[in-house]
Amino acid sequence: MSFFQTRATDWHPNHNIYCILDENYANMESFKVIIPFMKESRIFKALTEKHKCYESHVRLFWKSVRYDEEEKTIYSAVQKKDENGKDIDLEVKFKVADVRRVLDLKDSDDDPIIIPECLSKGFWFRMGYVGHVNDKGYIKSTFCRPYKFMVHCVVHALSHRKGAYDETSDYIMNIITCLVLNRPYNISQVLFNHMVENVKGEKYIMYHRFIQMLLDDQVPNLPKDPADEMQLHRMNTETLNRLNKYKELTADKEPRVKGMIGKIKNPNYVAPKNDHWRHENNNSENEMDSLRGMTIKEVKVLVREG
């Protein structure tokens, strides 16, 4: 057994996995209404790219990685053989723009990486969240099935965490809020920021799928040993069956079914003005009572391009 095969405890098989967005897939019936929106969203490639990951490449990347503050660039190395069969190290480097291009996120350096907390929380209450406004992490199981499915996909595909997949980080809330309300948001920068924080900290095996995509983009024909492939969990019919259920809740106690809103309902939806989460002429429910007593969190900005 190789060195790389003996140290697989610092990555999680449910982290940075791809998701299935196929209306005809088994057990998908409860979630079909939201699939067209997700397919048309600018995170479609990041959600669904079925890119194989190879532990030796990803592990060497995180073992060798460094961040240049002045250049706003992540540097690392990959290993391949030269024409004589000798192992050689090749430098790789990438910036926010590379993350944007490889994942096809269609955002801009001018887009924000922070939005008002009341905007994201107001929107999440509009989606049907039933917890307290100051909950540490909004739980996906409080939503009706289509929204629960969307949150599940974004958390597992885009979150930097290697656990706590039932909870949503602030930036995951922001991503979903801005996608559905058709607002700009610099997802590329946010992902890059978390990579940089990992460089400066634990250096666990983060974003293995995205890192492999970036490596393959820069260094074609990297050696790919099937025995080295990381065995990641994948969305399947069992996953969808679990998402279709609400633990310990009878049918009459399940989250209330909410209508689809924003760009999910209307592909030509225009974002409300003045950081509102609904248009002023919208006559549906009001979330202001749910926002009373909200404590504004201190926001930490890690890195900003430029």
Protein backbone atom coordinates (compact mmCIF):
# COMPACT_ATOMS: atom_id res chain seq x y z
CA MET A 1 0.00 0.00 0.00
CA SER A 2 1.36 3.42 -0.96
CA PHE A 3 1.91 6.43 1.27
CA PHE A 4 -1.04 8.18 -0.33
CA GLN A 5 -3.34 5.23 0.27
CA THR A 6 -2.58 5.11 3.99
CA ARG A 7 -3.55 8.70 4.82
CA ALA A 8 -7.10 9.25 3.66
CA THR A 9 -8.53 10.54 6.96
CA ASP A 10 -8.18 14.25 6.14
CA TRP A 11 -10.79 14.35 3.38
CA HIS A 12 -14.47 13.48 3.43
CA PRO A 13 -16.26 11.47 0.72
CA ASN A 14 -19.37 13.70 0.92
CA HIS A 15 -17.41 16.92 0.39
CA ASN A 16 -17.32 18.65 -3.02
CA ILE A 17 -19.29 15.88 -4.73
CA TYR A 18 -21.22 16.28 -7.97
CA CYS A 19 -25.00 16.26 -8.05
CA ILE A 20 -27.56 14.77 -10.43
CA LEU A 21 -30.01 17.14 -12.13
CA ASP A 22 -31.97 14.71 -14.26
CA GLU A 23 -35.77 15.02 -14.09
CA ASN A 24 -36.11 11.40 -15.24
CA TYR A 25 -33.81 9.94 -12.59
CA ALA A 26 -35.46 7.54 -10.13
CA ASN A 27 -36.95 9.19 -7.00
CA MET A 28 -36.59 12.68 -8.54
CA GLU A 29 -40.32 13.40 -8.81
CA SER A 30 -40.56 15.56 -5.67
CA PHE A 31 -37.75 17.84 -6.83
CA LYS A 32 -38.46 18.19 -10.58
CA VAL A 33 -39.96 21.66 -10.31
CA ILE A 34 -36.62 23.22 -9.35
CA ILE A 35 -34.37 21.29 -11.77
CA PRO A 36 -34.76 23.62 -14.80
CA PHE A 37 -33.62 26.60 -12.72
CA MET A 38 -30.60 24.73 -11.40
CA LYS A 39 -29.65 23.57 -14.90
CA GLU A 40 -29.76 27.15 -16.19
CA SER A 41 -27.91 28.60 -13.20
CA ARG A 42 -24.29 29.67 -13.44
CA ILE A 43 -23.23 27.05 -10.91
CA PHE A 44 -24.44 24.22 -13.17
CA LYS A 45 -20.92 23.03 -14.07
CA ALA A 46 -19.70 23.32 -10.47
CA LEU A 47 -22.70 21.27 -9.33
CA THR A 48 -22.63 18.54 -11.94
CA GLU A 49 -19.15 18.06 -13.44
CA LYS A 50 -18.35 14.35 -13.02
CA HIS A 51 -14.62 14.83 -12.72
CA LYS A 52 -12.57 11.95 -11.33
CA CYS A 53 -10.18 12.88 -8.54
CA TYR A 54 -6.81 11.25 -7.91
CA GLU A 55 -5.55 11.34 -4.36
CA SER A 56 -1.83 11.54 -5.11
CA HIS A 57 -2.32 14.65 -7.27
CA VAL A 58 -4.71 16.41 -4.90
CA ARG A 59 -2.66 15.47 -1.82
CA LEU A 60 0.60 16.69 -3.37
CA PHE A 61 -1.15 19.92 -4.31
CA TRP A 62 -2.17 20.65 -0.72
CA LYS A 63 1.13 19.42 0.68
CA SER A 64 3.14 21.77 -1.57
CA VAL A 65 0.77 24.73 -1.68
CA ARG A 66 1.63 28.32 -0.82
CA TYR A 67 -0.11 31.64 -1.32
CA ASP A 68 1.52 34.80 -2.64
CA GLU A 69 -0.23 37.76 -1.00
CA GLU A 70 1.17 40.34 -3.41
CA GLU A 71 0.28 38.41 -6.55
CA LYS A 72 -2.99 37.06 -5.14
CA THR A 73 -1.94 33.68 -6.54
CA ILE A 74 -1.96 30.11 -5.22
CA TYR A 75 1.18 28.14 -6.14
CA SER A 76 1.73 24.41 -5.85
CA ALA A 77 3.07 21.40 -7.75
CA VAL A 78 2.04 18.24 -9.51
CA GLN A 79 4.16 15.25 -10.43
CA LYS A 80 4.45 13.45 -13.76
CA LYS A 81 7.11 11.55 -15.64
CA ASP A 82 9.41 13.02 -18.26
CA GLU A 83 10.29 11.37 -21.57
CA ASN A 84 12.81 9.16 -19.73
CA GLY A 85 10.27 7.90 -17.21
CA LYS A 86 11.72 10.00 -14.38
CA ASP A 87 9.36 11.70 -11.91
CA ILE A 88 9.44 15.48 -12.20
CA ASP A 89 7.59 18.19 -10.31
CA LEU A 90 5.74 20.81 -12.33
CA GLU A 91 4.65 24.14 -10.88
CA VAL A 92 0.98 25.04 -11.08
CA LYS A 93 -0.57 28.35 -10.16
CA PHE A 94 -3.98 29.89 -10.33
CA LYS A 95 -5.91 33.01 -9.46
CA VAL A 96 -9.58 33.80 -8.97
CA ALA A 97 -9.94 34.17 -12.74
CA ASP A 98 -8.89 30.55 -13.24
CA VAL A 99 -11.51 29.32 -10.77
CA ARG A 100 -14.08 31.43 -12.62
CA ARG A 101 -13.09 30.09 -16.04
CA VAL A 102 -12.67 26.40 -15.17
CA LEU A 103 -15.95 26.24 -13.22
CA ASP A 104 -17.73 28.53 -15.69
CA LEU A 105 -19.20 30.63 -12.87
CA LYS A 106 -19.88 33.71 -15.03
CA ASP A 107 -19.25 36.23 -12.27
CA SER A 108 -16.93 39.23 -12.10
CA ASP A 109 -14.28 40.78 -9.88
CA ASP A 110 -16.68 43.71 -9.54
CA ASP A 111 -19.41 41.53 -8.04
CA PRO A 112 -19.84 41.60 -4.25
CA ILE A 113 -18.68 38.86 -1.91
CA ILE A 114 -20.85 40.15 0.94
CA ILE A 115 -24.55 41.01 0.88
CA PRO A 116 -26.66 42.44 3.72
CA GLU A 117 -27.48 39.77 6.26
CA CYS A 118 -31.10 40.90 6.43
CA LEU A 119 -31.37 40.31 2.66
CA SER A 120 -30.21 36.70 2.79
CA LYS A 121 -32.15 35.87 5.96
CA GLY A 122 -35.28 37.62 4.74
CA PHE A 123 -35.07 35.61 1.54
CA TRP A 124 -34.56 32.33 3.41
CA PHE A 125 -37.64 33.01 5.52
CA ARG A 126 -39.44 33.72 2.27
CA MET A 127 -38.36 30.25 1.07
CA GLY A 128 -40.00 28.84 4.20
CA TYR A 129 -37.34 28.65 6.91
CA VAL A 130 -39.06 28.12 10.28
CA GLY A 131 -36.17 28.42 12.76
CA HIS A 132 -34.97 31.47 14.71
CA VAL A 133 -33.41 34.36 12.87
CA ASN A 134 -30.19 34.03 14.89
CA ASP A 135 -29.73 30.30 14.36
CA LYS A 136 -26.06 29.55 13.81
CA GLY A 137 -26.72 27.53 10.67
CA TYR A 138 -30.05 27.36 8.85
CA ILE A 139 -31.05 23.68 8.58
CA LYS A 140 -32.07 22.33 5.18
CA SER A 141 -34.68 19.96 6.63
CA THR A 142 -36.92 22.93 7.53
CA PHE A 143 -37.68 23.54 3.84
CA CYS A 144 -40.20 21.91 1.54
CA ARG A 145 -38.73 19.27 -0.77
CA PRO A 146 -37.66 21.33 -3.83
CA TYR A 147 -35.85 23.94 -1.73
CA LYS A 148 -34.41 21.24 0.50
CA PHE A 149 -32.98 19.55 -2.60
CA MET A 150 -31.43 22.78 -3.89
CA VAL A 151 -29.81 23.55 -0.53
CA HIS A 152 -28.50 19.98 -0.29
CA CYS A 153 -26.87 20.21 -3.72
CA VAL A 154 -25.22 23.58 -3.13
CA VAL A 155 -23.90 22.59 0.31
CA HIS A 156 -22.38 19.29 -0.85
CA ALA A 157 -20.94 20.68 -4.07
CA LEU A 158 -19.71 24.15 -3.01
CA SER A 159 -19.22 24.23 0.75
CA HIS A 160 -15.64 24.20 2.04
CA ARG A 161 -16.64 22.09 5.03
CA LYS A 162 -15.93 18.39 5.45
CA GLY A 163 -18.98 17.88 7.65
CA ALA A 164 -22.11 19.58 9.07
CA TYR A 165 -23.86 19.13 5.74
CA ASP A 166 -27.31 19.76 7.19
CA GLU A 167 -26.35 23.36 8.02
CA THR A 168 -25.75 26.28 5.70
CA SER A 169 -22.85 28.71 6.03
CA ASP A 170 -23.46 32.41 5.46
CA TYR A 171 -21.87 32.33 2.01
CA ILE A 172 -23.98 29.33 0.94
CA MET A 173 -27.05 31.32 1.96
CA ASN A 174 -25.70 34.25 -0.07
CA ILE A 175 -25.07 32.13 -3.15
CA ILE A 176 -28.60 30.72 -3.19
CA THR A 177 -30.14 34.11 -2.40
CA CYS A 178 -28.33 35.83 -5.26
CA LEU A 179 -28.96 33.05 -7.76
CA VAL A 180 -32.70 32.95 -7.11
CA LEU A 181 -33.08 36.75 -6.90
CA ASN A 182 -30.89 37.21 -9.99
CA ARG A 183 -28.34 39.35 -8.16
CA PRO A 184 -24.58 39.50 -8.83
CA TYR A 185 -22.33 37.59 -6.45
CA ASN A 186 -18.66 36.71 -6.82
CA ILE A 187 -18.79 32.97 -6.16
CA SER A 188 -15.33 32.49 -7.69
CA GLN A 189 -13.77 34.84 -5.15
CA VAL A 190 -15.58 33.18 -2.26
CA LEU A 191 -14.33 29.71 -3.25
CA PHE A 192 -10.81 31.08 -3.76
CA ASN A 193 -10.93 32.74 -0.34
CA HIS A 194 -11.64 29.42 1.35
CA MET A 195 -8.79 27.78 -0.53
CA VAL A 196 -6.46 30.55 0.67
CA GLU A 197 -7.67 30.16 4.26
CA ASN A 198 -6.90 26.44 4.01
CA VAL A 199 -3.38 27.22 2.68
CA LYS A 200 -2.77 29.36 5.75
CA GLY A 201 -4.36 26.89 8.15
CA GLU A 202 -5.06 23.17 8.32
CA LYS A 203 -4.32 22.28 4.69
CA TYR A 204 -6.82 19.45 4.70
CA ILE A 205 -7.86 17.95 1.37
CA MET A 206 -10.37 20.62 0.40
CA TYR A 207 -12.29 20.96 -2.88
CA HIS A 208 -10.66 17.84 -4.35
CA ARG A 209 -12.96 17.85 -7.38
CA PHE A 210 -12.35 21.52 -8.17
CA ILE A 211 -8.60 21.19 -7.55
CA GLN A 212 -8.38 18.21 -9.92
CA MET A 213 -10.27 20.21 -12.55
CA LEU A 214 -7.82 23.10 -12.15
CA LEU A 215 -4.82 20.75 -12.31
CA ASP A 216 -6.07 18.98 -15.42
CA ASP A 217 -6.70 22.34 -17.03
CA GLN A 218 -3.09 23.43 -16.48
CA VAL A 219 -1.26 20.13 -16.92
CA PRO A 220 -2.83 17.93 -19.59
CA ASN A 221 -2.13 14.20 -19.53
CA LEU A 222 -1.40 13.86 -15.85
CA PRO A 223 -0.91 10.17 -15.00
CA LYS A 224 -4.17 8.64 -13.81
CA ASP A 225 -3.88 5.36 -11.91
CA PRO A 226 -7.33 3.79 -11.33
CA ALA A 227 -6.11 2.54 -7.95
CA ASP A 228 -5.43 6.17 -6.98
CA GLU A 229 -8.95 7.39 -7.71
CA MET A 230 -10.68 8.90 -4.68
CA GLN A 231 -13.83 6.99 -3.81
CA LEU A 232 -16.28 9.81 -3.28
CA HIS A 233 -19.93 9.41 -2.45
CA ARG A 234 -22.31 10.28 -5.25
CA MET A 235 -25.90 11.36 -5.35
CA ASN A 236 -28.07 8.32 -6.10
CA THR A 237 -31.59 7.02 -5.63
CA GLU A 238 -30.92 6.36 -1.93
CA THR A 239 -29.84 10.00 -1.47
CA LEU A 240 -33.03 11.21 -3.11
CA ASN A 241 -35.11 8.82 -1.04
CA ARG A 242 -33.60 10.31 2.15
CA LEU A 243 -34.21 13.86 0.92
CA ASN A 244 -37.83 12.94 0.25
CA LYS A 245 -38.37 12.11 3.92
CA TYR A 246 -38.54 14.16 7.11
CA LYS A 247 -37.24 12.26 10.12
CA GLU A 248 -39.72 11.77 12.96
CA LEU A 249 -42.36 13.97 11.30
CA THR A 250 -45.80 12.83 10.26
CA ALA A 251 -47.12 14.11 6.94
CA ASP A 252 -49.20 16.83 8.61
CA LYS A 253 -46.10 18.15 10.42
CA GLU A 254 -43.83 18.34 7.39
CA PRO A 255 -42.63 21.78 6.20
CA ARG A 256 -45.36 23.66 4.40
CA VAL A 257 -45.10 23.50 0.61
CA LYS A 258 -44.01 26.90 -0.69
CA GLY A 259 -44.51 28.18 -4.20
CA MET A 260 -41.48 28.69 -6.40
CA ILE A 261 -40.19 32.26 -6.38
CA GLY A 262 -37.76 34.58 -8.13
CA LYS A 263 -35.84 33.21 -11.08
CA ILE A 264 -37.01 29.67 -10.28
CA LYS A 265 -40.52 30.73 -11.26
CA ASN A 266 -39.61 33.31 -13.91
CA PRO A 267 -36.34 33.00 -15.89
CA ASN A 268 -36.61 36.73 -16.69
CA TYR A 269 -37.00 37.75 -13.06
CA VAL A 270 -35.54 41.16 -12.16
CA ALA A 271 -33.99 41.56 -8.71
CA PRO A 272 -35.84 43.81 -6.26
CA LYS A 273 -34.25 47.19 -5.57
CA ASN A 274 -32.68 48.50 -2.35
CA ASP A 275 -31.49 45.10 -1.10
CA HIS A 276 -35.03 43.80 -0.73
CA TRP A 277 -35.82 40.10 -1.08
CA ARG A 278 -39.24 40.67 -2.63
CA HIS A 279 -40.81 43.34 -4.84
CA GLU A 280 -42.90 46.00 -3.11
CA ASN A 281 -46.01 45.05 -5.06
CA ASN A 282 -45.74 41.42 -3.97
CA ASN A 283 -48.81 40.57 -1.93
CA SER A 284 -47.63 37.30 -0.43
CA GLU A 285 -46.37 36.78 3.12
CA ASN A 286 -44.19 39.29 4.93
CA GLU A 287 -41.04 38.09 6.70
CA MET A 288 -40.39 41.16 8.88
CA ASP A 289 -41.80 39.54 12.03
CA SER A 290 -39.35 36.65 11.61
CA LEU A 291 -36.43 39.10 11.34
CA ARG A 292 -37.16 40.92 14.58
CA GLY A 293 -34.33 40.59 17.07
CA MET A 294 -31.74 39.74 14.42
CA THR A 295 -28.17 40.11 15.63
CA ILE A 296 -25.83 41.21 12.86
CA LYS A 297 -22.74 39.03 12.62
CA GLU A 298 -19.21 40.35 12.21
CA VAL A 299 -18.08 39.46 8.70
CA LYS A 300 -14.51 38.39 8.01
CA VAL A 301 -13.21 39.16 4.52
CA LEU A 302 -10.29 36.85 3.72
CA VAL A 303 -8.94 37.94 0.34
CA ARG A 304 -10.09 40.24 -2.39
CA GLU A 305 -8.71 40.25 -5.92
CA GLY A 306 -7.00 43.45 -7.04
